[in-house]
Amino acid sequence: MEEEKKQLAYKILTEAIANNDSLKMADGYYEMGKYESGIGNFISGNVWYRKSLPLYKRQNRYFEYGRIYQRIAENEASRKDYLQVKIYSDSAVAIFKKYDLAKGLISNYLFTCDFNYKILRKAPSEVLRNFDEMLVYAKKHDLEVEHTFLHQMRGHILSDSDPVAALKSLELSKIYMKKYGFERLYTGLNAVMALCYARLGQPAKARELLESNVPLELNSKKDRFLSYRVQRNLAEIEIYKAEKNWEKAYEKQAEYTELQNEIHISEESKLTSIENSLDISALSKSQERELLLQSQILQDNKKLLIVLIFAGAMFLILGVLLFFQNSKNQSLARKYLHLSQKNELLIKEQSHRVKNNLQLISSLIGLQRNRLKDAKVKDSLEEMQGRIDVMSVLQQLFYESTDSKDIRIGDYFEQILNKTEIIFDKHISRKLSVDRSHLDPDLAIHLGIVFNELLTNSFKYAFGFDNPQPAMELVFFVKNGELNFEYKDNGQNPDLLIFERDFYTTSRSFGLSLIRLKSIELGGEYSFEYADGLRFKLKCSYNESKGVNS
């Protein structure tokens, strides 16, 4: 299906460029947007959609013009950028209202209801507030087919809270489906109706509806959201509950939980294994496809210029050729500049997604840690969570950096400290004397790991006993080609080995070994001291143009 969309888009674009047909060009851009969005490349899809906007507006094709805004809103919903969803959806509504485009308004209403209920989790009464008004509006404009989807949407939304009203709407939707030949939609509709009947204590009727469905061969790689499997599974759970077959209901509930985990893991893994690479590379490839198509047409036009050279005056043709070549070069330069800007945006997007994945891993570790009772295992998970957060903070600052190269080290240290306080659920007195240095991320991650291990050590030992006012101090500055890092805490407990003077230079614990390793990798001189608390100092040579130990 997606391959057919791609071939159709290529065909339309090729013909449009060859004939200089802006009408077909707009349709070609739109089809390319549908193809890219269909395979999950939402950023690339939006770029193609936006290319078609000015063309549709110039051609007074206002239904297509509004539909583009709705398509972009749908993509932004998939990307979980809910502010952009509202902006583009409201833009679509404004266009449909201005030109009295009833089909467009109803289509956007269906999308908005689905978004508000499934994504924003609003109450059914609030979601369906304007439902009767939309039915009257559809009838007024003789849009009987739209009744099918309006009632289907209402039935889905009410299936949890009001199964009687939901069945009424679903039955009406089924009547319209049959009337207009939409039998292919029966399968999902029957599953929702079976759910409602089971909740009303009619398991036999519910099971009859499920058994009437045509068997489907479901492929989790193709059926991305596994919607029918979810609906059928929920219906079977309610049927067994209605039959008081609690053992079967429990088994189906476990199957449903496993299915939800499958969907969650599938969606999260795509952020790193598929969507990152697709979104970043697909936009470049999509832009290159258009440039190649235009380059091919330009080559054909050069043949015409050769004929004109022999037919016309030499100087006039030479002038036209030079003008043409100059225009071509300027156009290509603008396109490549635009492409470069888009790629930079996508690199930032990738960094943001990596940060989200690291935060997800950190949250999962935190949840697992809270469920454990073994103190040693919990301590290990706390340390692992802190190290992951160091990388997550770096990715966030790199994403927010205006020059996309360096990060502000003071912000990095402060966010590491904030996350450590959250992990150990303890607030401390802090003093950060950090200059306004911007460092390369490769250097920052080394310093961040050292800082995190020192903090973890302090929270576990220096702040974990009778210390009514736990405090730490960090001094960091770069001066005269030398990087200086000094860390202090006020921990006191001489009965523990951790506070002995030689412990920090002889201990083989992973955290302290990591501090020593990173200090050596930086080519620096470091020292541990203990006097009314831990003192750690690190100095190493630094060259702003080349980094540490250049």
Protein backbone atom coordinates (compact mmCIF):
# COMPACT_ATOMS: atom_id res chain seq x y z
CA MET A 1 0.00 0.00 0.00
CA GLU A 2 2.73 2.46 0.95
CA GLU A 3 4.80 1.50 -2.09
CA GLU A 4 1.81 2.30 -4.31
CA LYS A 5 1.51 5.71 -2.63
CA LYS A 6 5.18 6.40 -3.36
CA GLN A 7 4.92 5.41 -7.01
CA LEU A 8 1.79 7.56 -7.43
CA ALA A 9 3.53 10.57 -5.85
CA TYR A 10 6.60 10.15 -8.09
CA LYS A 11 4.44 9.91 -11.19
CA ILE A 12 2.44 13.06 -10.35
CA LEU A 13 5.55 15.07 -9.45
CA THR A 14 7.41 14.04 -12.60
CA GLU A 15 4.49 15.03 -14.84
CA ALA A 16 3.97 18.29 -12.94
CA ILE A 17 7.62 19.36 -13.31
CA ALA A 18 7.72 18.35 -16.98
CA ASN A 19 4.55 20.32 -17.81
CA ASN A 20 5.12 23.14 -15.32
CA ASP A 21 1.68 22.25 -13.89
CA SER A 22 1.21 23.81 -10.44
CA LEU A 23 -2.11 22.01 -10.01
CA LYS A 24 -0.46 18.61 -10.28
CA MET A 25 2.54 19.84 -8.32
CA ALA A 26 0.32 20.52 -5.30
CA ASP A 27 -1.23 17.04 -5.57
CA GLY A 28 2.23 15.48 -5.92
CA TYR A 29 3.48 17.21 -2.77
CA TYR A 30 0.34 16.07 -0.93
CA GLU A 31 0.80 12.44 -2.02
CA MET A 32 4.45 12.51 -0.96
CA GLY A 33 3.34 13.81 2.45
CA LYS A 34 0.85 10.95 2.78
CA TYR A 35 3.51 8.40 1.84
CA GLU A 36 6.14 9.72 4.28
CA SER A 37 3.58 10.03 7.11
CA GLY A 38 2.27 6.54 6.34
CA ILE A 39 5.67 4.95 7.01
CA GLY A 40 6.20 6.98 10.19
CA ASN A 41 8.34 9.84 8.84
CA PHE A 42 6.17 12.58 10.35
CA ILE A 43 8.71 15.42 10.10
CA SER A 44 9.38 14.67 6.43
CA GLY A 45 5.64 14.29 5.81
CA ASN A 46 4.98 17.74 7.27
CA VAL A 47 7.64 19.28 5.02
CA TRP A 48 5.90 17.91 1.92
CA TYR A 49 2.48 18.99 3.21
CA ARG A 50 3.71 22.55 3.76
CA LYS A 51 5.03 22.67 0.19
CA SER A 52 1.50 22.09 -1.10
CA LEU A 53 -0.15 24.78 1.10
CA PRO A 54 0.66 27.91 -0.99
CA LEU A 55 -0.20 26.09 -4.23
CA TYR A 56 -3.63 24.97 -3.01
CA LYS A 57 -4.37 28.44 -1.68
CA ARG A 58 -3.33 30.09 -4.95
CA GLN A 59 -5.61 27.69 -6.87
CA ASN A 60 -8.58 28.41 -4.53
CA ARG A 61 -8.81 24.72 -3.60
CA TYR A 62 -9.85 25.48 -0.06
CA PHE A 63 -10.98 22.00 0.97
CA GLU A 64 -7.51 20.61 0.19
CA TYR A 65 -5.97 23.72 1.77
CA GLY A 66 -7.77 23.06 5.09
CA ARG A 67 -7.19 19.32 4.85
CA ILE A 68 -3.42 19.90 4.81
CA TYR A 69 -3.62 21.67 8.18
CA GLN A 70 -5.61 18.74 9.56
CA ARG A 71 -3.04 16.24 8.21
CA ILE A 72 -0.22 18.15 9.89
CA ALA A 73 -2.22 18.18 13.15
CA GLU A 74 -2.56 14.39 12.91
CA ASN A 75 1.21 14.05 12.44
CA GLU A 76 1.89 16.31 15.42
CA ALA A 77 -0.45 14.14 17.51
CA SER A 78 1.64 11.10 16.55
CA ARG A 79 4.77 13.06 17.56
CA LYS A 80 3.07 14.00 20.89
CA ASP A 81 3.46 17.75 20.28
CA TYR A 82 0.00 18.64 21.58
CA LEU A 83 0.42 22.43 21.38
CA GLN A 84 1.07 22.15 17.64
CA VAL A 85 -1.94 19.82 17.31
CA LYS A 86 -4.26 22.54 18.58
CA ILE A 87 -2.68 25.25 16.42
CA TYR A 88 -3.00 23.30 13.17
CA SER A 89 -6.42 21.83 14.01
CA ASP A 90 -7.82 25.31 14.80
CA SER A 91 -6.36 26.59 11.50
CA ALA A 92 -8.17 23.82 9.61
CA VAL A 93 -11.47 24.67 11.33
CA ALA A 94 -11.08 28.37 10.50
CA ILE A 95 -10.62 27.55 6.78
CA PHE A 96 -13.53 25.08 6.65
CA LYS A 97 -15.84 27.55 8.40
CA LYS A 98 -14.81 30.48 6.23
CA TYR A 99 -15.67 28.61 3.03
CA ASP A 100 -18.57 26.56 4.51
CA LEU A 101 -16.92 23.20 3.79
CA ALA A 102 -19.14 20.77 5.72
CA LYS A 103 -17.14 17.60 5.01
CA GLY A 104 -13.98 19.25 6.23
CA LEU A 105 -15.60 20.44 9.48
CA ILE A 106 -17.02 16.99 10.24
CA SER A 107 -13.70 15.32 9.44
CA ASN A 108 -11.86 17.68 11.79
CA TYR A 109 -14.55 17.17 14.45
CA LEU A 110 -14.01 13.39 14.32
CA PHE A 111 -10.24 13.85 14.64
CA THR A 112 -10.63 16.30 17.56
CA CYS A 113 -13.01 13.99 19.45
CA ASP A 114 -10.68 11.03 19.03
CA PHE A 115 -7.69 13.13 20.13
CA ASN A 116 -9.46 14.60 23.19
CA TYR A 117 -10.71 11.20 24.37
CA LYS A 118 -7.78 8.89 23.65
CA ILE A 119 -4.85 11.26 24.11
CA LEU A 120 -6.02 14.03 26.48
CA ARG A 121 -8.34 11.63 28.39
CA LYS A 122 -11.23 14.09 28.61
CA ALA A 123 -14.64 12.97 29.90
CA PRO A 124 -17.09 11.59 27.26
CA SER A 125 -19.64 14.31 28.08
CA GLU A 126 -17.08 17.01 27.32
CA VAL A 127 -15.80 15.29 24.18
CA LEU A 128 -19.30 14.77 22.74
CA ARG A 129 -20.65 18.15 23.77
CA ASN A 130 -21.33 19.24 20.16
CA PHE A 131 -22.31 15.81 18.77
CA ASP A 132 -26.02 16.55 18.17
CA GLU A 133 -25.10 19.85 16.55
CA MET A 134 -22.77 18.04 14.12
CA LEU A 135 -25.50 15.51 13.25
CA VAL A 136 -27.87 18.35 12.37
CA TYR A 137 -25.11 20.05 10.41
CA ALA A 138 -24.44 16.87 8.40
CA LYS A 139 -28.16 16.41 7.68
CA LYS A 140 -28.49 20.02 6.59
CA HIS A 141 -25.75 19.50 3.99
CA ASP A 142 -27.06 16.05 2.88
CA LEU A 143 -23.97 14.26 4.18
CA GLU A 144 -25.60 10.97 5.17
CA VAL A 145 -22.37 8.98 4.77
CA GLU A 146 -20.80 11.08 7.52
CA HIS A 147 -23.48 9.73 9.92
CA THR A 148 -21.69 6.37 9.72
CA PHE A 149 -18.50 7.74 11.19
CA LEU A 150 -20.16 10.15 13.63
CA HIS A 151 -22.18 7.33 15.25
CA GLN A 152 -19.20 4.97 15.13
CA MET A 153 -17.06 7.52 16.95
CA ARG A 154 -19.77 8.17 19.58
CA GLY A 155 -20.19 4.43 20.18
CA HIS A 156 -16.47 3.95 20.76
CA ILE A 157 -16.31 6.84 23.24
CA LEU A 158 -19.41 5.76 25.22
CA SER A 159 -18.53 2.04 25.31
CA ASP A 160 -16.84 2.41 28.72
CA SER A 161 -19.26 4.76 30.47
CA ASP A 162 -22.69 4.13 28.86
CA PRO A 163 -22.88 0.82 26.93
CA VAL A 164 -26.61 1.20 26.22
CA ALA A 165 -26.15 4.54 24.46
CA ALA A 166 -23.01 3.20 22.79
CA LEU A 167 -24.92 0.23 21.31
CA LYS A 168 -27.58 2.56 19.97
CA SER A 169 -25.00 4.58 18.08
CA LEU A 170 -23.09 1.51 16.90
CA GLU A 171 -26.28 -0.09 15.53
CA LEU A 172 -27.04 3.10 13.59
CA SER A 173 -23.50 3.14 12.28
CA LYS A 174 -23.86 -0.47 11.16
CA ILE A 175 -27.01 0.38 9.23
CA TYR A 176 -25.20 3.14 7.33
CA MET A 177 -22.19 0.88 6.74
CA LYS A 178 -24.43 -1.71 5.12
CA LYS A 179 -26.25 0.90 3.08
CA TYR A 180 -23.06 2.35 1.61
CA GLY A 181 -21.02 -0.84 1.30
CA PHE A 182 -18.65 -0.39 4.24
CA GLU A 183 -18.85 -4.05 5.41
CA ARG A 184 -15.07 -4.14 5.74
CA LEU A 185 -15.50 -2.05 8.91
CA TYR A 186 -17.76 -4.64 10.58
CA THR A 187 -14.93 -6.52 12.28
CA GLY A 188 -13.84 -3.72 14.61
CA LEU A 189 -17.42 -2.54 15.11
CA ASN A 190 -18.58 -6.01 16.21
CA ALA A 191 -15.76 -6.22 18.75
CA VAL A 192 -16.84 -2.96 20.41
CA MET A 193 -20.51 -4.02 20.35
CA ALA A 194 -19.57 -7.34 21.94
CA LEU A 195 -17.82 -5.42 24.72
CA CYS A 196 -20.97 -3.41 25.38
CA TYR A 197 -23.27 -6.46 25.44
CA ALA A 198 -20.95 -8.23 27.86
CA ARG A 199 -21.01 -5.24 30.20
CA LEU A 200 -24.83 -5.32 30.04
CA GLY A 201 -24.81 -8.97 31.16
CA GLN A 202 -25.52 -10.53 27.75
CA PRO A 203 -22.41 -12.68 27.13
CA ALA A 204 -24.17 -14.98 24.63
CA LYS A 205 -25.05 -12.06 22.38
CA ALA A 206 -21.50 -10.73 22.74
CA ARG A 207 -19.91 -14.05 21.83
CA GLU A 208 -22.23 -14.38 18.83
CA LEU A 209 -20.99 -11.05 17.48
CA LEU A 210 -17.32 -12.02 17.89
CA GLU A 211 -17.83 -15.39 16.21
CA SER A 212 -19.57 -13.71 13.26
CA ASN A 213 -16.36 -11.82 12.42
CA VAL A 214 -14.25 -12.97 9.50
CA PRO A 215 -10.95 -14.42 10.84
CA LEU A 216 -8.07 -11.97 10.41
CA GLU A 217 -4.40 -12.79 9.99
CA LEU A 218 -2.78 -10.10 12.10
CA ASN A 219 0.88 -9.19 11.71
CA SER A 220 2.26 -7.02 14.52
CA LYS A 221 4.87 -5.52 12.18
CA LYS A 222 2.19 -4.35 9.74
CA ASP A 223 -0.67 -3.64 12.19
CA ARG A 224 1.24 -1.02 14.06
CA PHE A 225 -1.38 -0.27 16.75
CA LEU A 226 -2.91 -3.77 16.89
CA SER A 227 -6.33 -2.10 17.34
CA TYR A 228 -8.54 -5.13 16.57
CA ARG A 229 -6.55 -7.44 18.85
CA VAL A 230 -6.96 -4.92 21.68
CA GLN A 231 -10.72 -4.51 21.09
CA ARG A 232 -11.34 -8.25 20.83
CA ASN A 233 -9.26 -8.97 23.92
CA LEU A 234 -11.19 -6.42 25.99
CA ALA A 235 -14.49 -7.89 24.78
CA GLU A 236 -13.43 -11.43 25.74
CA ILE A 237 -12.42 -10.27 29.23
CA GLU A 238 -15.87 -8.73 29.79
CA ILE A 239 -17.59 -11.85 28.39
CA TYR A 240 -15.81 -14.14 30.85
CA LYS A 241 -16.61 -11.74 33.67
CA ALA A 242 -20.29 -11.78 32.70
CA GLU A 243 -20.19 -15.60 32.63
CA LYS A 244 -18.42 -15.53 36.04
CA ASN A 245 -15.61 -17.58 34.55
CA TRP A 246 -13.01 -15.80 36.62
CA GLU A 247 -10.14 -18.11 35.69
CA LYS A 248 -10.59 -17.42 31.97
CA ALA A 249 -11.10 -13.73 32.67
CA TYR A 250 -7.82 -13.65 34.58
CA GLU A 251 -6.02 -15.42 31.71
CA LYS A 252 -7.42 -12.93 29.18
CA GLN A 253 -6.49 -10.04 31.47
CA ALA A 254 -2.90 -11.35 31.56
CA GLU A 255 -2.96 -11.66 27.77
CA TYR A 256 -4.25 -8.09 27.51
CA THR A 257 -1.47 -6.85 29.82
CA GLU A 258 1.09 -8.68 27.71
CA LEU A 259 -0.40 -7.13 24.55
CA GLN A 260 -0.20 -3.65 26.07
CA ASN A 261 3.45 -4.26 27.00
CA GLU A 262 4.07 -5.47 23.44
CA ILE A 263 2.59 -2.27 22.03
CA HIS A 264 4.49 -0.09 24.53
CA ILE A 265 7.83 -1.80 23.90
CA SER A 266 7.23 -1.70 20.15
CA GLU A 267 6.47 2.02 20.17
CA GLU A 268 9.38 2.91 22.47
CA SER A 269 11.90 0.82 20.56
CA LYS A 270 10.95 2.58 17.33
CA LEU A 271 12.15 5.84 18.84
CA THR A 272 15.71 4.51 18.82
CA SER A 273 15.79 1.72 16.25
CA ILE A 274 13.56 3.12 13.48
CA GLU A 275 12.15 6.60 13.85
CA ASN A 276 15.45 8.35 14.68
CA SER A 277 17.17 7.07 11.55
CA LEU A 278 14.08 7.34 9.35
CA ASP A 279 13.16 10.88 10.37
CA ILE A 280 16.72 12.14 10.02
CA SER A 281 17.56 10.44 6.73
CA ALA A 282 14.13 10.52 5.09
CA LEU A 283 13.92 14.31 4.95
CA SER A 284 17.30 14.53 3.23
CA LYS A 285 16.37 11.78 0.79
CA SER A 286 12.98 13.33 0.09
CA GLN A 287 14.54 16.69 -0.71
CA GLU A 288 17.18 14.99 -2.86
CA ARG A 289 14.46 13.17 -4.82
CA GLU A 290 12.87 16.48 -5.77
CA LEU A 291 16.24 17.99 -6.73
CA LEU A 292 17.05 14.97 -8.90
CA LEU A 293 13.69 15.24 -10.66
CA GLN A 294 14.25 18.92 -11.33
CA SER A 295 17.83 18.24 -12.44
CA GLN A 296 16.55 15.73 -14.99
CA ILE A 297 14.12 18.28 -16.43
CA LEU A 298 16.86 20.88 -16.56
CA GLN A 299 19.03 18.48 -18.55
CA ASP A 300 16.21 18.04 -21.09
CA ASN A 301 15.88 21.82 -21.38
CA LYS A 302 19.60 22.10 -22.14
CA LYS A 303 19.01 20.12 -25.35
CA LEU A 304 16.48 22.73 -26.41
CA LEU A 305 19.05 25.45 -25.73
CA ILE A 306 21.53 23.71 -28.08
CA VAL A 307 18.94 23.82 -30.88
CA LEU A 308 18.32 27.51 -30.21
CA ILE A 309 22.07 28.21 -30.41
CA PHE A 310 22.14 27.02 -34.02
CA ALA A 311 18.88 28.83 -34.86
CA GLY A 312 19.46 32.24 -33.27
CA ALA A 313 22.10 34.86 -32.76
CA MET A 314 25.23 33.63 -30.95
CA PHE A 315 25.51 36.47 -28.45
CA LEU A 316 21.83 36.45 -27.54
CA ILE A 317 21.81 32.69 -26.91
CA LEU A 318 25.01 32.93 -24.88
CA GLY A 319 23.41 35.60 -22.66
CA VAL A 320 20.30 33.46 -22.14
CA LEU A 321 22.44 30.44 -21.27
CA LEU A 322 24.47 32.39 -18.71
CA PHE A 323 21.33 33.78 -17.12
CA PHE A 324 19.75 30.33 -16.98
CA GLN A 325 22.84 28.76 -15.42
CA ASN A 326 23.09 31.52 -12.83
CA SER A 327 19.43 31.11 -11.87
CA LYS A 328 19.88 27.36 -11.59
CA ASN A 329 22.91 27.75 -9.32
CA GLN A 330 21.09 30.20 -7.05
CA SER A 331 18.07 27.93 -6.83
CA LEU A 332 20.18 24.90 -5.97
CA ALA A 333 22.16 26.93 -3.42
CA ARG A 334 18.93 27.99 -1.69
CA LYS A 335 17.66 24.42 -1.66
CA TYR A 336 20.86 23.01 -0.24
CA LEU A 337 20.90 25.76 2.44
CA HIS A 338 17.31 24.89 3.36
CA LEU A 339 18.22 21.20 3.45
CA SER A 340 21.18 21.91 5.76
CA GLN A 341 18.95 23.83 8.16
CA LYS A 342 16.44 20.99 8.21
CA ASN A 343 19.16 18.43 8.91
CA GLU A 344 20.43 20.50 11.84
CA LEU A 345 16.89 20.57 13.23
CA LEU A 346 16.65 16.79 12.89
CA ILE A 347 19.97 16.26 14.67
CA LYS A 348 18.57 18.25 17.60
CA GLU A 349 15.40 16.16 17.42
CA GLN A 350 17.50 13.00 17.62
CA SER A 351 19.30 14.32 20.70
CA HIS A 352 15.94 15.11 22.30
CA ARG A 353 14.69 11.58 21.64
CA VAL A 354 17.86 10.04 23.06
CA LYS A 355 17.31 12.13 26.19
CA ASN A 356 13.69 10.91 26.41
CA ASN A 357 14.82 7.29 26.10
CA LEU A 358 17.46 7.73 28.80
CA GLN A 359 14.85 9.31 31.09
CA LEU A 360 12.53 6.38 30.40
CA ILE A 361 15.27 3.90 31.32
CA SER A 362 16.03 5.91 34.47
CA SER A 363 12.33 5.89 35.45
CA LEU A 364 12.07 2.13 34.91
CA ILE A 365 15.15 1.58 37.08
CA GLY A 366 13.62 3.83 39.75
CA LEU A 367 10.36 1.85 39.69
CA GLN A 368 12.25 -1.44 39.98
CA ARG A 369 14.40 -0.04 42.79
CA ASN A 370 11.34 0.96 44.84
CA ARG A 371 10.01 -2.60 44.63
CA LEU A 372 13.20 -4.23 45.95
CA LYS A 373 14.03 -4.95 49.56
CA ASP A 374 17.70 -5.95 49.21
CA ALA A 375 19.66 -2.84 50.28
CA LYS A 376 22.75 -3.69 48.22
CA VAL A 377 20.74 -4.18 45.04
CA LYS A 378 18.84 -0.94 45.68
CA ASP A 379 22.12 0.93 46.18
CA SER A 380 23.45 -0.46 42.90
CA LEU A 381 20.30 0.61 41.05
CA GLU A 382 20.51 4.09 42.60
CA GLU A 383 24.08 4.46 41.34
CA MET A 384 23.12 3.15 37.89
CA GLN A 385 20.18 5.59 37.75
CA GLY A 386 22.49 8.49 38.59
CA ARG A 387 24.94 7.56 35.83
CA ILE A 388 22.15 7.32 33.27
CA ASP A 389 20.81 10.71 34.39
CA VAL A 390 24.26 12.26 33.78
CA MET A 391 23.97 11.26 30.10
CA SER A 392 20.30 12.34 29.96
CA VAL A 393 21.11 15.83 31.28
CA LEU A 394 23.91 16.19 28.74
CA GLN A 395 21.56 15.26 25.86
CA GLN A 396 18.98 17.80 27.09
CA LEU A 397 21.54 20.63 27.30
CA PHE A 398 22.96 19.69 23.91
CA TYR A 399 19.41 19.86 22.51
CA GLU A 400 18.87 23.31 24.06
CA SER A 401 22.27 24.67 22.99
CA THR A 402 21.90 27.49 20.46
CA ASP A 403 25.13 26.71 18.63
CA SER A 404 24.60 22.90 18.65
CA LYS A 405 28.26 22.38 19.64
CA ASP A 406 29.06 23.27 23.26
CA ILE A 407 27.11 23.28 26.52
CA ARG A 408 27.24 25.56 29.53
CA ILE A 409 29.01 23.53 32.21
CA GLY A 410 27.40 25.37 35.14
CA ASP A 411 23.89 24.40 34.03
CA TYR A 412 25.10 20.81 33.55
CA PHE A 413 26.48 20.51 37.08
CA GLU A 414 23.37 22.07 38.63
CA GLN A 415 20.98 19.71 36.83
CA ILE A 416 23.07 16.68 37.86
CA LEU A 417 22.81 17.85 41.47
CA ASN A 418 19.03 18.37 41.16
CA LYS A 419 18.52 14.86 39.77
CA THR A 420 20.70 13.33 42.51
CA GLU A 421 18.58 15.06 45.17
CA ILE A 422 15.46 13.57 43.58
CA ILE A 423 16.93 10.04 43.44
CA PHE A 424 18.01 10.10 47.12
CA ASP A 425 14.98 12.20 48.23
CA LYS A 426 17.17 14.61 50.21
CA HIS A 427 17.74 18.36 49.86
CA ILE A 428 21.13 19.73 50.84
CA SER A 429 22.84 23.07 51.20
CA ARG A 430 24.80 23.80 48.04
CA LYS A 431 27.41 26.27 46.86
CA LEU A 432 28.36 26.20 43.20
CA SER A 433 31.16 28.54 42.10
CA VAL A 434 31.31 27.75 38.40
CA ASP A 435 32.47 30.16 35.71
CA ARG A 436 30.52 30.72 32.48
CA SER A 437 32.56 28.23 30.47
CA HIS A 438 31.05 26.44 27.48
CA LEU A 439 32.66 23.03 27.02
CA ASP A 440 32.67 20.33 24.37
CA PRO A 441 30.15 17.53 25.21
CA ASP A 442 32.91 14.87 25.15
CA LEU A 443 34.75 16.72 27.93
CA ALA A 444 31.54 17.56 29.80
CA ILE A 445 30.49 13.90 30.06
CA HIS A 446 33.83 13.00 31.75
CA LEU A 447 33.42 15.81 34.30
CA GLY A 448 29.74 14.95 34.77
CA ILE A 449 30.56 11.33 35.60
CA VAL A 450 33.20 12.41 38.14
CA PHE A 451 30.78 14.90 39.73
CA ASN A 452 27.97 12.32 39.86
CA GLU A 453 30.16 9.68 41.54
CA LEU A 454 31.32 12.21 44.15
CA LEU A 455 27.73 13.28 44.82
CA THR A 456 26.56 9.65 45.09
CA ASN A 457 29.33 8.96 47.59
CA SER A 458 28.33 12.01 49.66
CA PHE A 459 24.59 11.23 49.65
CA LYS A 460 25.21 7.62 50.69
CA TYR A 461 27.75 8.30 53.44
CA ALA A 462 28.38 11.95 54.24
CA PHE A 463 24.67 12.88 54.34
CA GLY A 464 23.31 9.53 55.47
CA PHE A 465 24.04 9.72 59.20
CA ASP A 466 23.68 12.28 62.00
CA ASN A 467 24.32 15.25 59.77
CA PRO A 468 21.61 17.88 60.47
CA GLN A 469 22.90 20.27 57.79
CA PRO A 470 24.30 18.29 54.85
CA ALA A 471 26.25 20.59 52.52
CA MET A 472 28.51 20.44 49.50
CA GLU A 473 30.60 22.94 47.56
CA LEU A 474 31.88 22.85 43.98
CA VAL A 475 34.49 25.20 42.51
CA PHE A 476 35.17 25.03 38.78
CA PHE A 477 37.03 27.44 36.50
CA VAL A 478 39.28 27.53 33.45
CA LYS A 479 42.22 29.92 33.62
CA ASN A 480 45.58 30.26 31.83
CA GLY A 481 45.14 27.03 29.90
CA GLU A 482 44.31 24.99 33.02
CA LEU A 483 41.01 23.38 34.09
CA ASN A 484 40.37 23.34 37.87
CA PHE A 485 37.74 21.16 39.56
CA GLU A 486 37.37 21.04 43.37
CA TYR A 487 34.60 19.24 45.32
CA LYS A 488 33.88 19.35 49.08
CA ASP A 489 31.29 17.88 51.47
CA ASN A 490 30.83 18.11 55.26
CA GLY A 491 30.43 14.40 56.05
CA GLN A 492 31.64 13.16 59.44
CA ASN A 493 31.52 9.58 60.72
CA PRO A 494 34.97 8.33 61.74
CA ASP A 495 33.58 4.87 62.64
CA LEU A 496 33.18 4.01 58.92
CA LEU A 497 36.01 2.94 56.64
CA ILE A 498 34.73 5.40 54.04
CA PHE A 499 36.02 8.29 56.15
CA GLU A 500 39.55 6.95 56.68
CA ARG A 501 42.24 9.06 55.08
CA ASP A 502 43.69 6.31 52.86
CA PHE A 503 40.37 4.85 51.77
CA TYR A 504 39.97 6.94 48.61
CA THR A 505 43.37 6.05 47.18
CA THR A 506 43.20 2.31 47.96
CA SER A 507 39.52 1.36 47.62
CA ARG A 508 38.55 -0.76 44.63
CA SER A 509 34.86 0.24 44.69
CA PHE A 510 33.40 0.82 41.24
CA GLY A 511 32.50 4.48 41.88
CA LEU A 512 35.92 5.52 43.15
CA SER A 513 37.64 3.47 40.45
CA LEU A 514 35.52 5.32 37.90
CA ILE A 515 36.59 8.70 39.35
CA ARG A 516 40.26 7.75 39.16
CA LEU A 517 39.85 6.33 35.62
CA LYS A 518 38.15 9.46 34.28
CA SER A 519 40.75 11.71 35.93
CA ILE A 520 43.53 9.73 34.23
CA GLU A 521 41.72 9.85 30.88
CA LEU A 522 41.62 13.63 31.18
CA GLY A 523 45.39 13.58 31.69
CA GLY A 524 44.99 15.43 34.98
CA GLU A 525 46.43 15.43 38.48
CA TYR A 526 43.94 14.50 41.20
CA SER A 527 43.91 14.05 44.95
CA PHE A 528 41.58 12.92 47.77
CA GLU A 529 41.75 14.43 51.24
CA TYR A 530 39.64 14.02 54.34
CA ALA A 531 39.44 16.76 56.94
CA ASP A 532 35.97 17.58 58.30
CA GLY A 533 34.61 16.09 55.09
CA LEU A 534 35.84 14.88 51.74
CA ARG A 535 38.00 17.11 49.51
CA PHE A 536 38.66 16.15 45.89
CA LYS A 537 40.81 18.21 43.50
CA LEU A 538 41.44 17.74 39.79
CA LYS A 539 43.67 19.86 37.51
CA CYS A 540 44.45 19.31 33.85
CA SER A 541 45.66 21.32 30.88
CA TYR A 542 42.98 22.77 28.60
CA ASN A 543 42.98 24.33 25.13
CA GLU A 544 39.68 25.96 24.08
CA SER A 545 40.19 25.16 20.42
CA LYS A 546 41.19 21.51 20.93
CA GLY A 547 39.85 20.43 24.31
CA VAL A 548 41.53 18.79 27.28
CA ASN A 549 45.15 17.59 27.25
CA SER A 550 45.68 18.89 23.68
